[in-house]
Amino acid sequence: MRVQFVGCGDAFGSGGRLNTCFHVTGERANFLIDCGASSLIGMKRLGIDRNAIDAILVTHFHGDHFGGLPFFMLEAQFVAKRARPLLIAGPPGLEDRYAQAIGAAFPGSALTSERFALAFRELEVEKANELGGLKVETFLMRHVAAAGPCLGLRIEVEGRVIAFSGDTEWTEALIPLGRDADLMICEAYTRDKPVKLHLALSQLEARLAEIHPKRLVLTHLGEDMLARRAEVPYQTAEDGLVIEL
């Protein structure tokens, strides 16, 4: 199992990092977790075959996690000549949000029928969802209500568990989300000071023994965290980072 960080940045481009997008591949699996606005640029930079991607899982509807879908779809339709079916799965309201996003980014493009089969799947909140070879358990996170429901995802795939917090303040739901996961990808926007809507590493550290992930990678680092990375005893993400599980 291979996880590549296409982008690991926040909404403000802190540190010059691309928006959130992780590419997961295995023997059969090939999917994205989130598709922020700069994701197509990142995938092209890394040489990722977009036509081989079977699914895109979305945590919430902020542009740095969701805003890359119009670009992905436009390229698939008119440049990459995609023929492979694609599944997009995310919080309730997904299909309407997608239509709004692509209509705003490329007016008129929604009137063109895709050359490939496109399916949408609304993930049931706080339940386990079966998506082909993926089992996706969702946890309700504490972020901006208007951008969601905002979900954390616990994904079982090919005998591995990948957990992703999405964007969130501290919530007790992070404990079952990441417990004993082979990989927990968790936001750490600040080092010590809690901020509204996002997570401070100090809050995560206080409960990390209960979560006990086998491997932890911190992502969505703000300027404060980026400046203090040398002090942190945990792995921090970089655009292009590859994790083998």
Protein backbone atom coordinates (compact mmCIF):
# COMPACT_ATOMS: atom_id res chain seq x y z
CA MET A 1 0.00 0.00 0.00
CA ARG A 2 1.38 3.38 -1.04
CA VAL A 3 0.19 6.79 0.09
CA GLN A 4 1.55 9.87 -1.68
CA PHE A 5 0.89 13.39 -0.46
CA VAL A 6 0.02 15.29 -3.63
CA GLY A 7 -0.62 18.34 -1.46
CA CYS A 8 -0.54 18.82 2.30
CA GLY A 9 -1.06 22.55 2.76
CA ASP A 10 -3.75 24.72 4.28
CA ALA A 11 -6.16 27.14 2.61
CA PHE A 12 -3.59 29.95 2.76
CA GLY A 13 -0.75 28.23 0.90
CA SER A 14 1.41 28.31 4.03
CA GLY A 15 4.98 27.34 3.19
CA GLY A 16 4.14 27.31 -0.52
CA ARG A 17 2.38 23.96 -0.16
CA LEU A 18 -0.37 22.68 -2.41
CA ASN A 19 -3.89 22.03 -1.13
CA THR A 20 -4.89 18.75 0.48
CA CYS A 21 -4.86 15.69 -1.76
CA PHE A 22 -3.55 12.19 -0.99
CA HIS A 23 -3.15 9.44 -3.59
CA VAL A 24 -3.56 5.86 -2.33
CA THR A 25 -2.59 2.84 -4.42
CA GLY A 26 -2.39 -0.87 -3.69
CA GLU A 27 -2.69 -4.14 -5.58
CA ARG A 28 -6.14 -3.11 -6.80
CA ALA A 29 -6.92 0.14 -5.01
CA ASN A 30 -6.37 3.51 -6.67
CA PHE A 31 -8.12 6.50 -5.15
CA LEU A 32 -7.75 10.04 -3.87
CA ILE A 33 -8.55 11.39 -0.44
CA ASP A 34 -9.68 14.97 -1.02
CA CYS A 35 -8.99 16.99 -4.14
CA GLY A 36 -8.08 20.55 -3.22
CA ALA A 37 -7.93 23.35 -5.79
CA SER A 38 -4.28 22.74 -6.78
CA SER A 39 -4.54 18.93 -6.97
CA LEU A 40 -4.37 18.57 -10.75
CA ILE A 41 -1.15 20.60 -10.80
CA GLY A 42 0.30 18.37 -8.10
CA MET A 43 -0.69 15.15 -9.81
CA LYS A 44 0.82 16.26 -13.10
CA ARG A 45 4.00 17.32 -11.32
CA LEU A 46 4.28 13.86 -9.73
CA GLY A 47 3.39 11.97 -12.91
CA ILE A 48 0.23 10.42 -11.46
CA ASP A 49 -2.04 8.80 -14.05
CA ARG A 50 -5.39 10.48 -13.38
CA ASN A 51 -7.22 8.05 -15.67
CA ALA A 52 -6.25 5.14 -13.40
CA ILE A 53 -7.96 6.66 -10.36
CA ASP A 54 -11.19 4.83 -9.53
CA ALA A 55 -12.58 7.00 -6.73
CA ILE A 56 -12.25 10.35 -4.99
CA LEU A 57 -13.23 10.55 -1.31
CA VAL A 58 -14.14 14.00 -0.03
CA THR A 59 -14.06 15.08 3.64
CA HIS A 60 -15.84 18.46 3.30
CA PHE A 61 -16.70 21.20 0.85
CA HIS A 62 -14.00 23.82 1.39
CA GLY A 63 -12.02 24.73 -1.72
CA ASP A 64 -8.69 23.51 -0.36
CA HIS A 65 -10.21 20.01 -0.04
CA PHE A 66 -12.89 19.97 -2.74
CA GLY A 67 -12.12 22.77 -5.18
CA GLY A 68 -9.92 20.69 -7.48
CA LEU A 69 -12.78 18.56 -8.74
CA PRO A 70 -13.82 20.92 -11.57
CA PHE A 71 -10.24 20.96 -12.91
CA PHE A 72 -9.91 17.18 -12.53
CA MET A 73 -13.18 16.63 -14.40
CA LEU A 74 -12.48 19.14 -17.18
CA GLU A 75 -9.10 17.55 -17.88
CA ALA A 76 -10.61 14.06 -17.77
CA GLN A 77 -13.24 15.04 -20.31
CA PHE A 78 -11.31 17.13 -22.81
CA VAL A 79 -7.60 16.31 -22.46
CA ALA A 80 -7.10 12.89 -20.87
CA LYS A 81 -10.10 11.41 -22.76
CA ARG A 82 -11.00 9.34 -19.74
CA ALA A 83 -13.04 6.16 -20.37
CA ARG A 84 -12.74 4.51 -16.95
CA PRO A 85 -15.73 4.92 -14.58
CA LEU A 86 -15.23 7.30 -11.66
CA LEU A 87 -16.86 7.33 -8.24
CA ILE A 88 -16.95 10.50 -6.14
CA ALA A 89 -17.98 9.91 -2.53
CA GLY A 90 -18.43 12.48 0.20
CA PRO A 91 -20.76 14.09 2.72
CA PRO A 92 -24.50 14.48 2.19
CA GLY A 93 -25.23 17.15 -0.40
CA LEU A 94 -22.26 16.04 -2.50
CA GLU A 95 -23.90 16.04 -5.93
CA ASP A 96 -25.46 19.49 -5.49
CA ARG A 97 -22.17 20.91 -4.19
CA TYR A 98 -20.33 19.41 -7.15
CA ALA A 99 -22.79 20.99 -9.58
CA GLN A 100 -22.35 24.37 -7.89
CA ALA A 101 -18.55 24.07 -7.94
CA ILE A 102 -18.20 23.10 -11.59
CA GLY A 103 -20.85 25.63 -12.61
CA ALA A 104 -18.94 28.42 -10.85
CA ALA A 105 -15.51 27.36 -12.10
CA PHE A 106 -16.45 26.61 -15.71
CA PRO A 107 -19.92 27.96 -16.58
CA GLY A 108 -21.64 25.82 -19.17
CA SER A 109 -19.38 22.80 -18.71
CA ALA A 110 -22.03 20.91 -16.73
CA LEU A 111 -24.14 20.83 -19.91
CA THR A 112 -21.57 18.55 -21.57
CA SER A 113 -22.15 14.86 -20.88
CA GLU A 114 -19.12 12.97 -19.56
CA ARG A 115 -17.45 10.49 -21.88
CA PHE A 116 -17.23 8.09 -18.93
CA ALA A 117 -19.56 6.74 -16.24
CA LEU A 118 -19.65 9.15 -13.30
CA ALA A 119 -21.31 8.13 -10.03
CA PHE A 120 -21.84 10.04 -6.79
CA ARG A 121 -22.19 8.40 -3.40
CA GLU A 122 -23.24 10.27 -0.28
CA LEU A 123 -21.46 8.75 2.70
CA GLU A 124 -23.66 7.96 5.67
CA VAL A 125 -22.46 9.95 8.67
CA GLU A 126 -21.05 8.05 11.65
CA LYS A 127 -21.52 4.75 9.84
CA ALA A 128 -19.43 2.27 7.86
CA ASN A 129 -19.88 2.61 4.10
CA GLU A 130 -18.92 -0.09 1.60
CA LEU A 131 -17.44 1.31 -1.63
CA GLY A 132 -16.29 -1.56 -3.77
CA GLY A 133 -13.06 -2.74 -2.17
CA LEU A 134 -13.08 0.07 0.41
CA LYS A 135 -14.76 0.20 3.79
CA VAL A 136 -15.09 3.86 4.75
CA GLU A 137 -16.21 4.65 8.28
CA THR A 138 -17.12 8.29 8.81
CA PHE A 139 -16.76 10.38 11.97
CA LEU A 140 -18.32 13.79 12.46
CA MET A 141 -15.62 16.42 12.95
CA ARG A 142 -15.87 19.95 14.40
CA HIS A 143 -15.20 22.40 11.61
CA VAL A 144 -17.37 24.85 9.63
CA ALA A 145 -20.93 23.51 9.56
CA ALA A 146 -21.68 25.24 6.24
CA ALA A 147 -18.86 23.25 4.59
CA GLY A 148 -20.17 19.87 5.56
CA PRO A 149 -21.08 17.76 7.41
CA CYS A 150 -17.30 17.74 7.87
CA LEU A 151 -16.03 14.19 8.09
CA GLY A 152 -13.03 12.30 9.30
CA LEU A 153 -12.48 9.11 7.29
CA ARG A 154 -11.28 5.72 8.52
CA ILE A 155 -10.58 3.66 5.43
CA GLU A 156 -10.00 -0.09 5.44
CA VAL A 157 -8.34 -1.18 2.22
CA GLU A 158 -6.40 -4.34 1.34
CA GLY A 159 -5.75 -5.21 4.98
CA ARG A 160 -4.60 -1.72 6.01
CA VAL A 161 -6.33 1.10 7.87
CA ILE A 162 -5.76 4.73 6.85
CA ALA A 163 -7.37 7.41 9.02
CA PHE A 164 -7.64 11.07 8.06
CA SER A 165 -8.95 13.78 10.34
CA GLY A 166 -9.90 16.25 7.63
CA ASP A 167 -10.16 19.71 9.22
CA THR A 168 -11.33 19.85 12.81
CA GLU A 169 -11.04 21.27 16.28
CA TRP A 170 -10.30 18.72 18.99
CA THR A 171 -13.14 16.23 19.28
CA GLU A 172 -13.37 12.92 21.10
CA ALA A 173 -14.27 11.37 17.75
CA LEU A 174 -10.57 11.57 16.78
CA ILE A 175 -9.86 8.73 19.22
CA PRO A 176 -11.90 5.98 17.52
CA LEU A 177 -11.11 7.51 14.13
CA GLY A 178 -7.39 6.89 14.48
CA ARG A 179 -7.18 4.11 17.05
CA ASP A 180 -4.46 1.59 16.07
CA ALA A 181 -4.60 2.74 12.44
CA ASP A 182 -1.70 1.68 10.23
CA LEU A 183 -1.48 5.35 9.23
CA MET A 184 -3.18 8.32 10.83
CA ILE A 185 -2.95 11.56 8.87
CA CYS A 186 -3.97 14.34 11.21
CA GLU A 187 -4.09 18.08 10.89
CA ALA A 188 -1.90 20.11 13.26
CA TYR A 189 -2.50 23.70 12.33
CA THR A 190 -0.72 25.20 15.36
CA ARG A 191 1.86 23.86 17.79
CA ASP A 192 0.39 24.77 21.17
CA LYS A 193 -2.31 27.42 20.99
CA PRO A 194 -5.80 26.10 20.22
CA VAL A 195 -7.58 28.01 17.46
CA LYS A 196 -11.21 27.89 16.45
CA LEU A 197 -12.08 25.32 13.77
CA HIS A 198 -8.61 23.71 13.67
CA LEU A 199 -6.40 21.46 15.77
CA ALA A 200 -3.34 22.29 17.85
CA LEU A 201 -0.72 19.57 18.10
CA SER A 202 -0.71 19.98 21.90
CA GLN A 203 -4.37 18.89 21.96
CA LEU A 204 -3.59 15.80 19.90
CA GLU A 205 -0.52 14.95 21.99
CA ALA A 206 -2.57 15.00 25.20
CA ARG A 207 -4.66 12.06 23.92
CA LEU A 208 -2.25 10.37 21.53
CA ALA A 209 -1.64 7.41 23.83
CA GLU A 210 -5.34 6.58 23.63
CA ILE A 211 -5.38 6.82 19.85
CA HIS A 212 -2.16 4.82 19.45
CA PRO A 213 -1.76 4.93 15.67
CA LYS A 214 1.00 2.73 14.30
CA ARG A 215 2.22 5.67 12.25
CA LEU A 216 1.31 9.35 12.51
CA VAL A 217 1.88 12.02 9.88
CA LEU A 218 0.92 15.64 10.59
CA THR A 219 -0.56 17.69 7.78
CA HIS A 220 -2.31 21.03 7.12
CA LEU A 221 0.43 22.88 9.01
CA GLY A 222 -0.01 26.60 9.51
CA GLU A 223 2.84 29.10 9.65
CA ASP A 224 3.26 28.59 13.41
CA MET A 225 3.72 24.83 13.02
CA LEU A 226 5.97 25.20 9.99
CA ALA A 227 8.27 27.49 11.96
CA ARG A 228 8.50 24.95 14.79
CA ARG A 229 8.79 21.69 12.86
CA ALA A 230 12.30 21.02 14.18
CA GLU A 231 10.89 20.79 17.72
CA VAL A 232 8.24 18.23 16.81
CA PRO A 233 8.97 14.52 17.47
CA TYR A 234 6.50 13.37 14.79
CA GLN A 235 6.69 13.05 11.04
CA THR A 236 5.33 16.05 9.17
CA ALA A 237 4.04 15.92 5.63
CA GLU A 238 5.65 17.42 2.54
CA ASP A 239 4.18 17.68 -0.93
CA GLY A 240 5.32 14.54 -2.75
CA LEU A 241 6.02 12.53 0.43
CA VAL A 242 5.51 8.77 -0.07
CA ILE A 243 4.48 6.46 2.77
CA GLU A 244 4.69 2.69 2.26
CA LEU A 245 2.39 0.57 4.43
